Amino acid sequence: SDRDVLLVTGGARGVTAAVALEIARRYRPRLVLLGRTDLPEAEPAWLSGARSERDIKQAIAHQHPDWSPRRVSHLCREILAAREIRENLDQIQRAGAFVQYHSVDVRDRDELARTLVELRREFGKITGLIHGAGVIEDRLIVDKTDEQFEDVFSTKVVGLVNLLDLLNGDSLRAIVLFSSS
């Protein structure tokens, strides 16, 4: 309902964003999306007109001629992620739900706790949790490095433990978990 406050981790991109959008269309709750991606207010003017990945990389390389191709690609991925998040937030809002986005890593218990204090101050208790945050390392587990495995595992499991511990006093009516495969 429109009185529910749903906390959605990883909800600004991918499959979790699609679920958040459908929930917005059907129930119009207050959705608070958490993700690791920083979301600047606006893009720099030098990116205007750059739509494709190729155009964005060219604009970055023109703006930063001394950067390595790897650094250009990294910034391009960040720009595309921010654009996807903004578009998803706009769609959720157009569907009739209130939506807010906060950049927070669910593995960082202190940062998550501070964010939840702010959210409770603004909205009251959280009534639902959708934990979809994840790190994509698409390869067989035997082909993953220890660091890659730790990133994937800790985001799902440590993030979930942090969320459940910190939401313990709230009135959760629903918990939805997305796994990694």
N, C-alpha and C. Protein backbone atom coordinates (compact mmCIF):
# COMPACT_ATOMS: atom_id res chain seq x y z
N SER A 1 0.84 -1.19 0.00
CA SER A 1 0.00 0.00 0.00
C SER A 1 0.88 1.25 0.00
N ASP A 2 0.27 2.40 -0.15
CA ASP A 2 1.04 3.64 -0.19
C ASP A 2 1.60 4.03 1.18
N ARG A 3 1.24 3.29 2.22
CA ARG A 3 1.81 3.55 3.55
C ARG A 3 3.04 2.69 3.81
N ASP A 4 3.24 1.66 3.01
CA ASP A 4 4.39 0.78 3.19
C ASP A 4 5.67 1.46 2.76
N VAL A 5 6.74 1.15 3.47
CA VAL A 5 8.07 1.64 3.14
C VAL A 5 8.91 0.40 2.84
N LEU A 6 9.26 0.23 1.57
CA LEU A 6 10.04 -0.92 1.15
C LEU A 6 11.47 -0.51 0.91
N LEU A 7 12.39 -1.23 1.54
CA LEU A 7 13.81 -1.03 1.36
C LEU A 7 14.26 -2.03 0.30
N VAL A 8 14.84 -1.53 -0.78
CA VAL A 8 15.21 -2.38 -1.91
C VAL A 8 16.71 -2.21 -2.17
N THR A 9 17.49 -3.26 -1.89
CA THR A 9 18.92 -3.17 -2.14
C THR A 9 19.22 -3.66 -3.55
N GLY A 10 20.09 -2.95 -4.22
CA GLY A 10 20.38 -3.29 -5.60
C GLY A 10 19.20 -3.02 -6.51
N GLY A 11 18.27 -2.22 -6.04
CA GLY A 11 17.01 -2.05 -6.75
C GLY A 11 16.97 -1.03 -7.84
N ALA A 12 18.08 -0.37 -8.09
CA ALA A 12 18.06 0.67 -9.10
C ALA A 12 18.52 0.17 -10.46
N ARG A 13 18.96 -1.09 -10.52
CA ARG A 13 19.42 -1.65 -11.79
C ARG A 13 19.03 -3.12 -11.88
N GLY A 14 19.02 -3.63 -13.10
CA GLY A 14 18.83 -5.06 -13.31
C GLY A 14 17.46 -5.58 -12.94
N VAL A 15 17.45 -6.86 -12.59
CA VAL A 15 16.19 -7.55 -12.31
C VAL A 15 15.48 -6.97 -11.09
N THR A 16 16.22 -6.52 -10.11
CA THR A 16 15.59 -5.95 -8.92
C THR A 16 14.86 -4.65 -9.27
N ALA A 17 15.41 -3.88 -10.19
CA ALA A 17 14.74 -2.66 -10.63
C ALA A 17 13.43 -3.00 -11.34
N ALA A 18 13.43 -4.07 -12.12
CA ALA A 18 12.21 -4.49 -12.81
C ALA A 18 11.14 -4.88 -11.79
N VAL A 19 11.53 -5.57 -10.73
CA VAL A 19 10.59 -5.96 -9.69
C VAL A 19 10.08 -4.72 -8.95
N ALA A 20 10.98 -3.79 -8.63
CA ALA A 20 10.58 -2.56 -7.95
C ALA A 20 9.58 -1.78 -8.80
N LEU A 21 9.80 -1.75 -10.10
CA LEU A 21 8.89 -1.04 -10.99
C LEU A 21 7.50 -1.70 -10.99
N GLU A 22 7.46 -3.01 -11.03
CA GLU A 22 6.17 -3.70 -11.02
C GLU A 22 5.44 -3.48 -9.69
N ILE A 23 6.18 -3.51 -8.60
CA ILE A 23 5.57 -3.22 -7.28
C ILE A 23 5.04 -1.79 -7.27
N ALA A 24 5.80 -0.87 -7.84
CA ALA A 24 5.35 0.53 -7.91
C ALA A 24 4.05 0.65 -8.68
N ARG A 25 3.96 -0.05 -9.80
CA ARG A 25 2.74 0.00 -10.62
C ARG A 25 1.53 -0.56 -9.88
N ARG A 26 1.73 -1.67 -9.18
CA ARG A 26 0.60 -2.35 -8.53
C ARG A 26 0.19 -1.74 -7.20
N TYR A 27 1.17 -1.33 -6.38
CA TYR A 27 0.86 -0.98 -4.99
C TYR A 27 1.19 0.46 -4.60
N ARG A 28 2.03 1.12 -5.35
CA ARG A 28 2.43 2.51 -5.10
C ARG A 28 2.95 2.75 -3.67
N PRO A 29 3.87 1.91 -3.20
CA PRO A 29 4.43 2.13 -1.87
C PRO A 29 5.51 3.21 -1.92
N ARG A 30 6.09 3.48 -0.80
CA ARG A 30 7.28 4.32 -0.75
C ARG A 30 8.46 3.37 -0.90
N LEU A 31 9.23 3.57 -1.94
CA LEU A 31 10.37 2.70 -2.23
C LEU A 31 11.66 3.45 -1.95
N VAL A 32 12.52 2.84 -1.15
CA VAL A 32 13.84 3.39 -0.89
C VAL A 32 14.84 2.40 -1.45
N LEU A 33 15.53 2.84 -2.50
CA LEU A 33 16.48 1.98 -3.18
C LEU A 33 17.89 2.28 -2.70
N LEU A 34 18.62 1.22 -2.38
CA LEU A 34 20.01 1.35 -1.96
C LEU A 34 20.90 0.69 -2.99
N GLY A 35 21.99 1.37 -3.34
CA GLY A 35 22.95 0.80 -4.27
C GLY A 35 24.32 1.42 -4.05
N ARG A 36 25.33 0.76 -4.54
CA ARG A 36 26.70 1.27 -4.36
C ARG A 36 27.05 2.39 -5.31
N THR A 37 26.34 2.51 -6.42
CA THR A 37 26.67 3.51 -7.42
C THR A 37 26.38 4.91 -6.91
N ASP A 38 27.39 5.78 -6.94
CA ASP A 38 27.16 7.19 -6.62
C ASP A 38 26.33 7.79 -7.74
N LEU A 39 25.40 8.61 -7.39
CA LEU A 39 24.51 9.20 -8.39
C LEU A 39 24.64 10.71 -8.35
N PRO A 40 25.53 11.27 -9.18
CA PRO A 40 25.67 12.73 -9.20
C PRO A 40 24.37 13.38 -9.68
N GLU A 41 24.17 14.61 -9.25
CA GLU A 41 22.95 15.34 -9.61
C GLU A 41 22.78 15.46 -11.12
N ALA A 42 23.86 15.77 -11.81
CA ALA A 42 23.78 15.95 -13.26
C ALA A 42 25.11 15.56 -13.90
N GLU A 43 25.04 15.23 -15.17
CA GLU A 43 26.25 14.92 -15.91
C GLU A 43 26.95 16.20 -16.35
N PRO A 44 28.25 16.13 -16.57
CA PRO A 44 28.95 17.31 -17.06
C PRO A 44 28.47 17.68 -18.47
N ALA A 45 28.57 18.95 -18.80
CA ALA A 45 28.09 19.45 -20.10
C ALA A 45 28.79 18.76 -21.26
N TRP A 46 30.04 18.39 -21.07
CA TRP A 46 30.79 17.78 -22.18
C TRP A 46 30.26 16.40 -22.57
N LEU A 47 29.34 15.85 -21.78
CA LEU A 47 28.72 14.56 -22.13
C LEU A 47 27.41 14.73 -22.90
N SER A 48 26.93 15.97 -23.02
CA SER A 48 25.65 16.16 -23.71
C SER A 48 25.79 15.69 -25.15
N GLY A 49 24.81 14.96 -25.59
CA GLY A 49 24.83 14.43 -26.95
C GLY A 49 25.50 13.07 -27.07
N ALA A 50 26.27 12.66 -26.08
CA ALA A 50 26.92 11.34 -26.12
C ALA A 50 25.94 10.30 -25.60
N ARG A 51 25.41 9.49 -26.49
CA ARG A 51 24.40 8.49 -26.11
C ARG A 51 24.96 7.07 -26.11
N SER A 52 25.67 6.70 -27.14
CA SER A 52 26.16 5.33 -27.23
C SER A 52 27.43 5.18 -26.39
N GLU A 53 27.77 3.94 -26.10
CA GLU A 53 29.00 3.67 -25.35
C GLU A 53 30.21 4.23 -26.10
N ARG A 54 30.21 4.08 -27.40
CA ARG A 54 31.31 4.59 -28.23
C ARG A 54 31.42 6.11 -28.10
N ASP A 55 30.27 6.80 -28.20
CA ASP A 55 30.25 8.26 -28.08
C ASP A 55 30.73 8.72 -26.70
N ILE A 56 30.30 8.01 -25.68
CA ILE A 56 30.70 8.37 -24.32
C ILE A 56 32.20 8.21 -24.15
N LYS A 57 32.75 7.10 -24.64
CA LYS A 57 34.19 6.87 -24.53
C LYS A 57 34.98 7.94 -25.29
N GLN A 58 34.48 8.32 -26.45
CA GLN A 58 35.15 9.37 -27.23
C GLN A 58 35.13 10.70 -26.48
N ALA A 59 33.99 11.02 -25.86
CA ALA A 59 33.88 12.27 -25.10
C ALA A 59 34.82 12.26 -23.90
N ILE A 60 34.91 11.13 -23.22
CA ILE A 60 35.81 11.02 -22.07
C ILE A 60 37.26 11.17 -22.53
N ALA A 61 37.62 10.46 -23.60
CA ALA A 61 38.99 10.53 -24.11
C ALA A 61 39.35 11.94 -24.56
N HIS A 62 38.39 12.65 -25.13
CA HIS A 62 38.62 14.03 -25.54
C HIS A 62 38.82 14.94 -24.32
N GLN A 63 38.01 14.69 -23.29
CA GLN A 63 38.08 15.50 -22.07
C GLN A 63 39.34 15.18 -21.26
N HIS A 64 39.78 13.92 -21.31
CA HIS A 64 40.93 13.45 -20.52
C HIS A 64 41.91 12.71 -21.44
N PRO A 65 42.62 13.43 -22.28
CA PRO A 65 43.48 12.78 -23.28
C PRO A 65 44.62 11.95 -22.69
N ASP A 66 44.98 12.19 -21.45
CA ASP A 66 46.08 11.45 -20.83
C ASP A 66 45.63 10.17 -20.13
N TRP A 67 44.33 9.89 -20.11
CA TRP A 67 43.82 8.70 -19.44
C TRP A 67 44.08 7.44 -20.26
N SER A 68 44.27 6.34 -19.57
CA SER A 68 44.44 5.04 -20.22
C SER A 68 43.07 4.55 -20.71
N PRO A 69 43.06 3.65 -21.70
CA PRO A 69 41.79 3.08 -22.16
C PRO A 69 41.01 2.40 -21.02
N ARG A 70 41.71 1.79 -20.10
CA ARG A 70 41.05 1.12 -18.97
C ARG A 70 40.32 2.14 -18.10
N ARG A 71 40.95 3.26 -17.84
CA ARG A 71 40.33 4.31 -17.01
C ARG A 71 39.13 4.92 -17.74
N VAL A 72 39.26 5.11 -19.05
CA VAL A 72 38.15 5.63 -19.86
C VAL A 72 36.97 4.66 -19.79
N SER A 73 37.25 3.37 -19.95
CA SER A 73 36.19 2.35 -19.90
C SER A 73 35.52 2.31 -18.54
N HIS A 74 36.30 2.45 -17.48
CA HIS A 74 35.75 2.44 -16.12
C HIS A 74 34.76 3.60 -15.94
N LEU A 75 35.16 4.81 -16.34
CA LEU A 75 34.26 5.96 -16.21
C LEU A 75 33.03 5.79 -17.10
N CYS A 76 33.22 5.23 -18.27
CA CYS A 76 32.08 4.99 -19.17
C CYS A 76 31.06 4.07 -18.50
N ARG A 77 31.54 2.99 -17.86
CA ARG A 77 30.62 2.08 -17.15
C ARG A 77 29.88 2.81 -16.03
N GLU A 78 30.57 3.70 -15.31
CA GLU A 78 29.92 4.47 -14.25
C GLU A 78 28.85 5.40 -14.81
N ILE A 79 29.13 6.02 -15.93
CA ILE A 79 28.17 6.93 -16.56
C ILE A 79 26.94 6.16 -17.02
N LEU A 80 27.16 5.02 -17.67
CA LEU A 80 26.04 4.20 -18.14
C LEU A 80 25.21 3.68 -16.97
N ALA A 81 25.87 3.28 -15.87
CA ALA A 81 25.15 2.81 -14.68
C ALA A 81 24.30 3.93 -14.10
N ALA A 82 24.86 5.12 -13.98
CA ALA A 82 24.11 6.26 -13.43
C ALA A 82 22.92 6.59 -14.32
N ARG A 83 23.10 6.51 -15.62
CA ARG A 83 21.98 6.77 -16.54
C ARG A 83 20.87 5.72 -16.36
N GLU A 84 21.26 4.47 -16.21
CA GLU A 84 20.28 3.40 -16.02
C GLU A 84 19.51 3.63 -14.71
N ILE A 85 20.22 4.01 -13.66
CA ILE A 85 19.57 4.27 -12.38
C ILE A 85 18.58 5.42 -12.50
N ARG A 86 19.01 6.52 -13.11
CA ARG A 86 18.11 7.67 -13.27
C ARG A 86 16.85 7.29 -14.05
N GLU A 87 17.04 6.53 -15.12
CA GLU A 87 15.89 6.11 -15.93
C GLU A 87 14.95 5.23 -15.11
N ASN A 88 15.51 4.29 -14.35
CA ASN A 88 14.67 3.41 -13.53
C ASN A 88 13.94 4.19 -12.45
N LEU A 89 14.61 5.14 -11.82
CA LEU A 89 13.95 5.97 -10.80
C LEU A 89 12.81 6.78 -11.43
N ASP A 90 13.04 7.31 -12.62
CA ASP A 90 11.99 8.07 -13.32
C ASP A 90 10.80 7.17 -13.63
N GLN A 91 11.06 5.95 -14.09
CA GLN A 91 9.96 5.03 -14.41
C GLN A 91 9.15 4.68 -13.16
N ILE A 92 9.84 4.43 -12.06
CA ILE A 92 9.14 4.10 -10.82
C ILE A 92 8.28 5.28 -10.37
N GLN A 93 8.82 6.47 -10.46
CA GLN A 93 8.06 7.66 -10.07
C GLN A 93 6.86 7.86 -11.00
N ARG A 94 7.07 7.67 -12.31
CA ARG A 94 5.96 7.81 -13.26
C ARG A 94 4.87 6.75 -13.02
N ALA A 95 5.26 5.61 -12.42
CA ALA A 95 4.29 4.56 -12.11
C ALA A 95 3.43 4.91 -10.90
N GLY A 96 3.76 6.01 -10.23
CA GLY A 96 2.93 6.47 -9.14
C GLY A 96 3.46 6.22 -7.75
N ALA A 97 4.66 5.67 -7.63
CA ALA A 97 5.23 5.42 -6.31
C ALA A 97 6.22 6.52 -5.94
N PHE A 98 6.35 6.76 -4.67
CA PHE A 98 7.40 7.64 -4.17
C PHE A 98 8.69 6.82 -4.19
N VAL A 99 9.76 7.41 -4.68
CA VAL A 99 11.03 6.68 -4.74
C VAL A 99 12.17 7.59 -4.33
N GLN A 100 13.11 6.98 -3.64
CA GLN A 100 14.31 7.68 -3.20
C GLN A 100 15.48 6.73 -3.41
N TYR A 101 16.65 7.29 -3.74
CA TYR A 101 17.85 6.48 -3.94
C TYR A 101 18.95 6.96 -2.99
N HIS A 102 19.64 5.99 -2.37
CA HIS A 102 20.77 6.30 -1.50
C HIS A 102 21.94 5.42 -1.90
N SER A 103 23.10 6.04 -2.01
CA SER A 103 24.32 5.29 -2.31
C SER A 103 24.88 4.76 -0.99
N VAL A 104 24.84 3.45 -0.82
CA VAL A 104 25.34 2.80 0.39
C VAL A 104 25.69 1.35 0.05
N ASP A 105 26.77 0.88 0.64
CA ASP A 105 27.20 -0.52 0.47
C ASP A 105 26.65 -1.30 1.66
N VAL A 106 25.80 -2.29 1.41
CA VAL A 106 25.16 -3.03 2.49
C VAL A 106 26.17 -3.83 3.33
N ARG A 107 27.38 -4.00 2.83
CA ARG A 107 28.42 -4.69 3.61
C ARG A 107 29.00 -3.79 4.68
N ASP A 108 28.84 -2.48 4.54
CA ASP A 108 29.37 -1.51 5.49
C ASP A 108 28.29 -1.25 6.55
N ARG A 109 28.37 -1.99 7.63
CA ARG A 109 27.33 -1.95 8.68
C ARG A 109 27.11 -0.53 9.22
N ASP A 110 28.19 0.20 9.48
CA ASP A 110 28.05 1.54 10.05
C ASP A 110 27.36 2.49 9.09
N GLU A 111 27.78 2.45 7.82
CA GLU A 111 27.15 3.31 6.81
C GLU A 111 25.68 2.94 6.64
N LEU A 112 25.38 1.66 6.62
CA LEU A 112 24.00 1.20 6.49
C LEU A 112 23.18 1.64 7.70
N ALA A 113 23.74 1.52 8.89
CA ALA A 113 23.02 1.93 10.11
C ALA A 113 22.68 3.42 10.07
N ARG A 114 23.65 4.24 9.65
CA ARG A 114 23.39 5.69 9.56
C ARG A 114 22.27 5.98 8.56
N THR A 115 22.30 5.29 7.43
CA THR A 115 21.26 5.48 6.41
C THR A 115 19.89 5.09 6.96
N LEU A 116 19.82 3.98 7.67
CA LEU A 116 18.53 3.52 8.20
C LEU A 116 17.99 4.48 9.27
N VAL A 117 18.87 5.06 10.07
CA VAL A 117 18.42 6.06 11.05
C VAL A 117 17.77 7.24 10.32
N GLU A 118 18.41 7.71 9.26
CA GLU A 118 17.84 8.82 8.47
C GLU A 118 16.50 8.44 7.87
N LEU A 119 16.41 7.22 7.33
CA LEU A 119 15.17 6.79 6.69
C LEU A 119 14.04 6.67 7.69
N ARG A 120 14.33 6.12 8.85
CA ARG A 120 13.28 6.00 9.88
C ARG A 120 12.82 7.38 10.35
N ARG A 121 13.75 8.31 10.45
CA ARG A 121 13.39 9.67 10.85
C ARG A 121 12.42 10.28 9.83
N GLU A 122 12.64 9.98 8.56
CA GLU A 122 11.80 10.55 7.50
C GLU A 122 10.50 9.79 7.30
N PHE A 123 10.55 8.44 7.36
CA PHE A 123 9.39 7.63 6.98
C PHE A 123 8.76 6.81 8.10
N GLY A 124 9.45 6.65 9.20
CA GLY A 124 8.99 5.71 10.22
C GLY A 124 9.61 4.35 9.96
N LYS A 125 8.94 3.32 10.44
CA LYS A 125 9.50 1.98 10.33
C LYS A 125 9.45 1.45 8.90
N ILE A 126 10.44 0.63 8.59
CA ILE A 126 10.50 -0.07 7.30
C ILE A 126 9.55 -1.25 7.39
N THR A 127 8.72 -1.46 6.36
CA THR A 127 7.75 -2.56 6.41
C THR A 127 8.07 -3.72 5.49
N GLY A 128 9.04 -3.53 4.59
CA GLY A 128 9.41 -4.62 3.70
C GLY A 128 10.85 -4.49 3.24
N LEU A 129 11.47 -5.64 2.98
CA LEU A 129 12.85 -5.69 2.51
C LEU A 129 12.92 -6.54 1.26
N ILE A 130 13.52 -5.99 0.22
CA ILE A 130 13.87 -6.76 -0.97
C ILE A 130 15.37 -6.64 -1.11
N HIS A 131 16.07 -7.76 -0.90
CA HIS A 131 17.54 -7.76 -0.94
C HIS A 131 17.99 -8.37 -2.27
N GLY A 132 18.34 -7.49 -3.19
CA GLY A 132 18.80 -7.93 -4.50
C GLY A 132 20.21 -7.49 -4.80
N ALA A 133 20.85 -6.79 -3.86
CA ALA A 133 22.22 -6.30 -4.09
C ALA A 133 23.13 -7.47 -4.44
N GLY A 134 24.01 -7.23 -5.37
CA GLY A 134 24.94 -8.29 -5.76
C GLY A 134 26.09 -7.75 -6.58
N VAL A 135 27.09 -8.57 -6.69
CA VAL A 135 28.25 -8.27 -7.52
C VAL A 135 28.26 -9.32 -8.62
N ILE A 136 28.34 -8.87 -9.86
CA ILE A 136 28.32 -9.80 -10.98
C ILE A 136 29.75 -10.20 -11.33
N GLU A 137 30.04 -11.47 -11.17
CA GLU A 137 31.30 -12.07 -11.58
C GLU A 137 30.94 -13.35 -12.33
N ASP A 138 30.51 -13.18 -13.57
CA ASP A 138 29.99 -14.29 -14.34
C ASP A 138 31.08 -15.26 -14.79
N ARG A 139 31.27 -16.28 -13.99
CA ARG A 139 32.16 -17.39 -14.34
C ARG A 139 31.90 -18.51 -13.35
N LEU A 140 32.31 -19.70 -13.70
CA LEU A 140 32.15 -20.83 -12.79
C LEU A 140 32.91 -20.56 -11.50
N ILE A 141 32.41 -21.12 -10.40
CA ILE A 141 33.03 -20.86 -9.10
C ILE A 141 34.49 -21.32 -9.08
N VAL A 142 34.80 -22.41 -9.79
CA VAL A 142 36.19 -22.90 -9.80
C VAL A 142 37.11 -21.94 -10.56
N ASP A 143 36.53 -21.06 -11.38
CA ASP A 143 37.31 -20.10 -12.15
C ASP A 143 37.40 -18.74 -11.47
N LYS A 144 36.74 -18.58 -10.33
CA LYS A 144 36.77 -17.30 -9.62
C LYS A 144 38.01 -17.23 -8.73
N THR A 145 38.56 -16.03 -8.61
CA THR A 145 39.62 -15.82 -7.63
C THR A 145 38.97 -15.74 -6.25
N ASP A 146 39.76 -15.86 -5.21
CA ASP A 146 39.23 -15.74 -3.86
C ASP A 146 38.58 -14.38 -3.66
N GLU A 147 39.19 -13.35 -4.22
CA GLU A 147 38.65 -11.99 -4.08
C GLU A 147 37.30 -11.86 -4.79
N GLN A 148 37.17 -12.44 -5.98
CA GLN A 148 35.89 -12.39 -6.70
C GLN A 148 34.80 -13.12 -5.93
N PHE A 149 35.14 -14.30 -5.41
CA PHE A 149 34.16 -15.05 -4.62
C PHE A 149 33.74 -14.24 -3.39
N GLU A 150 34.70 -13.64 -2.70
CA GLU A 150 34.41 -12.85 -1.50
C GLU A 150 33.49 -11.67 -1.81
N ASP A 151 33.73 -10.99 -2.93
CA ASP A 151 32.87 -9.86 -3.32
C ASP A 151 31.42 -10.31 -3.53
N VAL A 152 31.25 -11.41 -4.27
CA VAL A 152 29.90 -11.92 -4.56
C VAL A 152 29.23 -12.40 -3.27
N PHE A 153 29.94 -13.23 -2.51
CA PHE A 153 29.39 -13.83 -1.30
C PHE A 153 29.07 -12.79 -0.23
N SER A 154 30.01 -11.89 0.01
CA SER A 154 29.82 -10.93 1.10
C SER A 154 28.67 -9.96 0.81
N THR A 155 28.49 -9.59 -0.45
CA THR A 155 27.39 -8.68 -0.77
C THR A 155 26.05 -9.34 -0.46
N LYS A 156 25.92 -10.61 -0.81
CA LYS A 156 24.67 -11.32 -0.54
C LYS A 156 24.52 -11.66 0.94
N VAL A 157 25.53 -12.29 1.52
CA VAL A 157 25.38 -12.85 2.86
C VAL A 157 25.68 -11.84 3.96
N VAL A 158 26.82 -11.17 3.92
CA VAL A 158 27.12 -10.16 4.94
C VAL A 158 26.11 -9.03 4.84
N GLY A 159 25.76 -8.64 3.60
CA GLY A 159 24.74 -7.61 3.42
C GLY A 159 23.42 -8.02 4.06
N LEU A 160 23.01 -9.27 3.86
CA LEU A 160 21.75 -9.74 4.44
C LEU A 160 21.82 -9.76 5.96
N VAL A 161 22.90 -10.25 6.51
CA VAL A 161 23.05 -10.27 7.98
C VAL A 161 22.96 -8.86 8.54
N ASN A 162 23.66 -7.92 7.91
CA ASN A 162 23.60 -6.52 8.35
C ASN A 162 22.17 -5.99 8.29
N LEU A 163 21.51 -6.23 7.18
CA LEU A 163 20.14 -5.74 7.02
C LEU A 163 19.19 -6.33 8.07
N LEU A 164 19.24 -7.64 8.26
CA LEU A 164 18.34 -8.27 9.23
C LEU A 164 18.62 -7.79 10.64
N ASP A 165 19.89 -7.66 11.00
CA ASP A 165 20.23 -7.16 12.33
C ASP A 165 19.73 -5.74 12.53
N LEU A 166 19.96 -4.89 11.54
CA LEU A 166 19.62 -3.47 11.68
C LEU A 166 18.13 -3.19 11.51
N LEU A 167 17.40 -4.10 10.88
CA LEU A 167 15.95 -3.94 10.70
C LEU A 167 15.16 -4.70 11.77
N ASN A 168 15.84 -5.26 12.73
CA ASN A 168 15.22 -6.11 13.75
C ASN A 168 14.07 -5.43 14.48
N GLY A 169 14.15 -4.14 14.72
CA GLY A 169 13.09 -3.44 15.45
C GLY A 169 11.98 -2.91 14.57
N ASP A 170 12.10 -3.10 13.27
CA ASP A 170 11.08 -2.60 12.35
C ASP A 170 9.93 -3.60 12.24
N SER A 171 8.90 -3.19 11.55
CA SER A 171 7.70 -4.02 11.39
C SER A 171 7.69 -4.67 10.03
N LEU A 172 8.68 -5.49 9.74
CA LEU A 172 8.76 -6.12 8.42
C LEU A 172 7.59 -7.07 8.21
N ARG A 173 6.87 -6.83 7.13
CA ARG A 173 5.76 -7.71 6.75
C ARG A 173 6.16 -8.64 5.63
N ALA A 174 7.27 -8.30 4.96
CA ALA A 174 7.72 -9.14 3.84
C ALA A 174 9.24 -9.03 3.69
N ILE A 175 9.83 -10.15 3.37
CA ILE A 175 11.27 -10.20 3.04
C ILE A 175 11.39 -11.01 1.76
N VAL A 176 12.03 -10.40 0.76
CA VAL A 176 12.26 -11.06 -0.52
C VAL A 176 13.76 -11.05 -0.77
N LEU A 177 14.32 -12.20 -1.13
CA LEU A 177 15.74 -12.32 -1.37
C LEU A 177 16.00 -12.80 -2.79
N PHE A 178 16.95 -12.17 -3.44
CA PHE A 178 17.43 -12.61 -4.75
C PHE A 178 18.78 -13.27 -4.53
N SER A 179 18.97 -14.43 -5.11
CA SER A 179 20.25 -15.12 -4.97
C SER A 179 21.10 -14.85 -6.20
N SER A 180 22.34 -15.31 -6.13
CA SER A 180 23.23 -15.27 -7.29
C SER A 180 23.35 -16.69 -7.80
N SER A 181 23.56 -16.81 -9.08
CA SER A 181 23.73 -18.16 -9.62
C SER A 181 25.02 -18.21 -10.42
